[in-house]
Amino acid sequence: MSQNYDALRSAEASALLGDREKLKTLLQSPETKRLIELLRSQNGDKLKDAAQQARKGDAADLTAMMQKLMNTGEGASLVSQIEKQVPPRE
């Protein structure tokens, strides 16, 4: 995944949001839980604010947080593992 890739606006994200069971499974995966833990440790209370803004349609802060995390070895590995769990575009 490239740094400039906006995963929150992708067709894959839209498809995943439309399938509650797959989304629930993905959110409960160890990789997703670890990714969220890392985001919280790096961003503290700012993560909650960024998530709220993303729900309102402004994902800029959350995207920036993810890009920063993906510059770490662990973050990039976790995102890669999570991507493999996302259903492919049809």
N, C-alpha and C. Protein backbone atom coordinates (compact mmCIF):
# COMPACT_ATOMS: atom_id res chain seq x y z
N MET A 1 0.87 -1.18 0.00
CA MET A 1 0.00 0.00 0.00
C MET A 1 0.90 1.23 0.00
N SER A 2 0.66 2.14 -0.89
CA SER A 2 1.50 3.33 -0.94
C SER A 2 1.10 4.32 0.13
N GLN A 3 2.01 5.21 0.47
CA GLN A 3 1.74 6.20 1.50
C GLN A 3 0.58 7.11 1.13
N ASN A 4 0.41 7.38 -0.14
CA ASN A 4 -0.62 8.31 -0.58
C ASN A 4 -1.97 7.63 -0.80
N TYR A 5 -2.04 6.35 -0.61
CA TYR A 5 -3.27 5.60 -0.81
C TYR A 5 -4.25 5.93 0.30
N ASP A 6 -5.45 6.34 -0.09
CA ASP A 6 -6.46 6.69 0.90
C ASP A 6 -7.40 5.51 1.08
N ALA A 7 -7.01 4.60 1.95
CA ALA A 7 -7.76 3.36 2.16
C ALA A 7 -9.17 3.61 2.65
N LEU A 8 -9.39 4.70 3.33
CA LEU A 8 -10.72 4.96 3.88
C LEU A 8 -11.73 5.30 2.79
N ARG A 9 -11.26 5.68 1.62
CA ARG A 9 -12.15 6.05 0.52
C ARG A 9 -12.14 5.03 -0.61
N SER A 10 -11.53 3.90 -0.40
CA SER A 10 -11.37 2.90 -1.45
C SER A 10 -12.65 2.09 -1.66
N ALA A 11 -12.69 1.45 -2.82
CA ALA A 11 -13.82 0.56 -3.11
C ALA A 11 -13.84 -0.62 -2.13
N GLU A 12 -12.65 -1.08 -1.73
CA GLU A 12 -12.56 -2.17 -0.76
C GLU A 12 -13.19 -1.78 0.56
N ALA A 13 -12.91 -0.56 1.00
CA ALA A 13 -13.49 -0.08 2.26
C ALA A 13 -15.00 0.01 2.15
N SER A 14 -15.50 0.50 1.04
CA SER A 14 -16.94 0.59 0.84
C SER A 14 -17.59 -0.79 0.87
N ALA A 15 -16.96 -1.75 0.19
CA ALA A 15 -17.49 -3.11 0.17
C ALA A 15 -17.48 -3.71 1.57
N LEU A 16 -16.41 -3.48 2.29
CA LEU A 16 -16.30 -4.02 3.64
C LEU A 16 -17.34 -3.41 4.57
N LEU A 17 -17.56 -2.12 4.45
CA LEU A 17 -18.56 -1.45 5.29
C LEU A 17 -19.97 -1.97 5.00
N GLY A 18 -20.17 -2.50 3.81
CA GLY A 18 -21.48 -3.04 3.45
C GLY A 18 -21.70 -4.47 3.92
N ASP A 19 -20.68 -5.10 4.46
CA ASP A 19 -20.78 -6.49 4.92
C ASP A 19 -20.44 -6.54 6.41
N ARG A 20 -21.47 -6.44 7.23
CA ARG A 20 -21.27 -6.35 8.68
C ARG A 20 -20.49 -7.53 9.27
N GLU A 21 -20.74 -8.74 8.79
CA GLU A 21 -20.06 -9.92 9.33
C GLU A 21 -18.56 -9.88 9.04
N LYS A 22 -18.20 -9.56 7.81
CA LYS A 22 -16.78 -9.47 7.47
C LYS A 22 -16.10 -8.33 8.23
N LEU A 23 -16.83 -7.22 8.37
CA LEU A 23 -16.27 -6.10 9.11
C LEU A 23 -16.06 -6.47 10.58
N LYS A 24 -17.03 -7.14 11.17
CA LYS A 24 -16.91 -7.57 12.56
C LYS A 24 -15.72 -8.51 12.75
N THR A 25 -15.59 -9.45 11.83
CA THR A 25 -14.47 -10.40 11.89
C THR A 25 -13.14 -9.66 11.78
N LEU A 26 -13.05 -8.73 10.84
CA LEU A 26 -11.82 -7.97 10.65
C LEU A 26 -11.49 -7.13 11.89
N LEU A 27 -12.49 -6.49 12.46
CA LEU A 27 -12.26 -5.65 13.64
C LEU A 27 -11.82 -6.46 14.85
N GLN A 28 -12.17 -7.74 14.89
CA GLN A 28 -11.80 -8.58 16.02
C GLN A 28 -10.49 -9.33 15.81
N SER A 29 -9.87 -9.14 14.65
CA SER A 29 -8.63 -9.86 14.38
C SER A 29 -7.50 -9.32 15.25
N PRO A 30 -6.54 -10.19 15.59
CA PRO A 30 -5.40 -9.74 16.40
C PRO A 30 -4.62 -8.61 15.73
N GLU A 31 -4.52 -8.64 14.40
CA GLU A 31 -3.78 -7.61 13.68
C GLU A 31 -4.45 -6.25 13.81
N THR A 32 -5.77 -6.24 13.69
CA THR A 32 -6.50 -4.98 13.81
C THR A 32 -6.41 -4.45 15.24
N LYS A 33 -6.55 -5.34 16.20
CA LYS A 33 -6.46 -4.92 17.61
C LYS A 33 -5.08 -4.32 17.90
N ARG A 34 -4.03 -4.94 17.37
CA ARG A 34 -2.67 -4.42 17.58
C ARG A 34 -2.48 -3.08 16.87
N LEU A 35 -3.04 -2.96 15.67
CA LEU A 35 -2.94 -1.70 14.93
C LEU A 35 -3.60 -0.57 15.71
N ILE A 36 -4.77 -0.83 16.26
CA ILE A 36 -5.48 0.18 17.05
C ILE A 36 -4.68 0.52 18.31
N GLU A 37 -4.10 -0.49 18.92
CA GLU A 37 -3.26 -0.26 20.11
C GLU A 37 -2.08 0.66 19.78
N LEU A 38 -1.45 0.42 18.64
CA LEU A 38 -0.33 1.28 18.22
C LEU A 38 -0.80 2.70 17.93
N LEU A 39 -1.94 2.82 17.24
CA LEU A 39 -2.48 4.15 16.95
C LEU A 39 -2.77 4.91 18.25
N ARG A 40 -3.34 4.23 19.21
CA ARG A 40 -3.64 4.87 20.51
C ARG A 40 -2.36 5.29 21.22
N SER A 41 -1.36 4.41 21.19
CA SER A 41 -0.12 4.73 21.91
C SER A 41 0.62 5.90 21.26
N GLN A 42 0.52 6.03 19.95
CA GLN A 42 1.19 7.12 19.25
C GLN A 42 0.41 8.43 19.29
N ASN A 43 -0.91 8.34 19.38
CA ASN A 43 -1.74 9.53 19.19
C ASN A 43 -2.63 9.91 20.36
N GLY A 44 -2.75 9.06 21.36
CA GLY A 44 -3.55 9.38 22.54
C GLY A 44 -4.97 9.80 22.19
N ASP A 45 -5.42 10.87 22.82
CA ASP A 45 -6.79 11.35 22.64
C ASP A 45 -7.06 11.87 21.24
N LYS A 46 -6.01 12.19 20.51
CA LYS A 46 -6.17 12.70 19.14
C LYS A 46 -6.80 11.64 18.23
N LEU A 47 -6.59 10.36 18.54
CA LEU A 47 -7.15 9.29 17.73
C LEU A 47 -8.67 9.32 17.77
N LYS A 48 -9.23 9.51 18.94
CA LYS A 48 -10.69 9.56 19.08
C LYS A 48 -11.26 10.72 18.27
N ASP A 49 -10.62 11.87 18.38
CA ASP A 49 -11.07 13.04 17.62
C ASP A 49 -10.97 12.79 16.11
N ALA A 50 -9.88 12.17 15.68
CA ALA A 50 -9.69 11.89 14.26
C ALA A 50 -10.74 10.90 13.76
N ALA A 51 -11.06 9.90 14.57
CA ALA A 51 -12.07 8.93 14.18
C ALA A 51 -13.44 9.59 14.06
N GLN A 52 -13.75 10.48 14.98
CA GLN A 52 -15.02 11.20 14.91
C GLN A 52 -15.09 12.06 13.65
N GLN A 53 -13.99 12.72 13.32
CA GLN A 53 -13.96 13.54 12.11
C GLN A 53 -14.11 12.67 10.86
N ALA A 54 -13.50 11.50 10.88
CA ALA A 54 -13.59 10.59 9.74
C ALA A 54 -15.03 10.13 9.54
N ARG A 55 -15.73 9.87 10.63
CA ARG A 55 -17.14 9.48 10.52
C ARG A 55 -17.98 10.59 9.91
N LYS A 56 -17.54 11.83 10.07
CA LYS A 56 -18.26 12.98 9.50
C LYS A 56 -17.81 13.28 8.07
N GLY A 57 -16.85 12.51 7.57
CA GLY A 57 -16.40 12.68 6.19
C GLY A 57 -15.04 13.31 6.01
N ASP A 58 -14.39 13.72 7.10
CA ASP A 58 -13.06 14.33 7.02
C ASP A 58 -12.04 13.35 7.60
N ALA A 59 -11.43 12.57 6.73
CA ALA A 59 -10.50 11.53 7.17
C ALA A 59 -9.04 11.98 7.15
N ALA A 60 -8.78 13.26 6.96
CA ALA A 60 -7.41 13.74 6.80
C ALA A 60 -6.52 13.41 8.00
N ASP A 61 -6.98 13.69 9.21
CA ASP A 61 -6.16 13.42 10.39
C ASP A 61 -5.93 11.93 10.59
N LEU A 62 -6.98 11.13 10.41
CA LEU A 62 -6.85 9.69 10.58
C LEU A 62 -5.92 9.10 9.51
N THR A 63 -6.04 9.60 8.30
CA THR A 63 -5.16 9.15 7.22
C THR A 63 -3.71 9.50 7.54
N ALA A 64 -3.47 10.68 8.05
CA ALA A 64 -2.10 11.09 8.41
C ALA A 64 -1.54 10.20 9.52
N MET A 65 -2.38 9.86 10.49
CA MET A 65 -1.94 8.97 11.57
C MET A 65 -1.57 7.59 11.02
N MET A 66 -2.39 7.09 10.09
CA MET A 66 -2.11 5.79 9.49
C MET A 66 -0.83 5.83 8.66
N GLN A 67 -0.64 6.89 7.91
CA GLN A 67 0.57 7.00 7.10
C GLN A 67 1.81 7.02 7.98
N LYS A 68 1.74 7.73 9.09
CA LYS A 68 2.87 7.77 10.03
C LYS A 68 3.15 6.38 10.58
N LEU A 69 2.08 5.68 10.95
CA LEU A 69 2.24 4.33 11.51
C LEU A 69 2.79 3.37 10.47
N MET A 70 2.36 3.54 9.22
CA MET A 70 2.83 2.66 8.16
C MET A 70 4.30 2.88 7.81
N ASN A 71 4.89 3.93 8.30
CA ASN A 71 6.32 4.15 8.11
C ASN A 71 7.16 3.34 9.08
N THR A 72 6.49 2.65 10.00
CA THR A 72 7.21 1.76 10.92
C THR A 72 7.10 0.34 10.39
N GLY A 73 8.08 -0.48 10.71
CA GLY A 73 8.06 -1.87 10.26
C GLY A 73 6.84 -2.62 10.75
N GLU A 74 6.53 -2.48 12.02
CA GLU A 74 5.38 -3.20 12.58
C GLU A 74 4.08 -2.70 11.97
N GLY A 75 3.94 -1.40 11.84
CA GLY A 75 2.73 -0.83 11.26
C GLY A 75 2.51 -1.30 9.84
N ALA A 76 3.56 -1.26 9.03
CA ALA A 76 3.45 -1.70 7.63
C ALA A 76 3.10 -3.18 7.55
N SER A 77 3.70 -3.98 8.42
CA SER A 77 3.40 -5.41 8.44
C SER A 77 1.95 -5.68 8.82
N LEU A 78 1.47 -4.98 9.84
CA LEU A 78 0.09 -5.17 10.27
C LEU A 78 -0.89 -4.77 9.18
N VAL A 79 -0.65 -3.64 8.53
CA VAL A 79 -1.54 -3.19 7.46
C VAL A 79 -1.54 -4.21 6.33
N SER A 80 -0.39 -4.75 5.99
CA SER A 80 -0.30 -5.75 4.94
C SER A 80 -1.12 -6.99 5.31
N GLN A 81 -1.00 -7.43 6.55
CA GLN A 81 -1.75 -8.59 7.00
C GLN A 81 -3.26 -8.33 6.99
N ILE A 82 -3.65 -7.14 7.38
CA ILE A 82 -5.07 -6.77 7.39
C ILE A 82 -5.60 -6.70 5.96
N GLU A 83 -4.82 -6.14 5.06
CA GLU A 83 -5.24 -6.04 3.66
C GLU A 83 -5.56 -7.41 3.08
N LYS A 84 -4.83 -8.43 3.49
CA LYS A 84 -5.06 -9.78 2.99
C LYS A 84 -6.40 -10.33 3.46
N GLN A 85 -6.95 -9.76 4.52
CA GLN A 85 -8.23 -10.21 5.07
C GLN A 85 -9.42 -9.48 4.45
N VAL A 86 -9.15 -8.39 3.72
CA VAL A 86 -10.22 -7.58 3.13
C VAL A 86 -10.67 -8.24 1.84
N PRO A 87 -11.99 -8.34 1.64
CA PRO A 87 -12.48 -8.97 0.41
C PRO A 87 -12.02 -8.18 -0.82
N PRO A 88 -11.67 -8.89 -1.89
CA PRO A 88 -11.22 -8.20 -3.11
C PRO A 88 -12.37 -7.45 -3.77
N ARG A 89 -12.00 -6.44 -4.55
CA ARG A 89 -13.00 -5.68 -5.32
C ARG A 89 -13.61 -6.57 -6.38
N GLU A 90 -14.86 -6.36 -6.59
CA GLU A 90 -15.55 -7.15 -7.63
C GLU A 90 -15.75 -6.32 -8.86
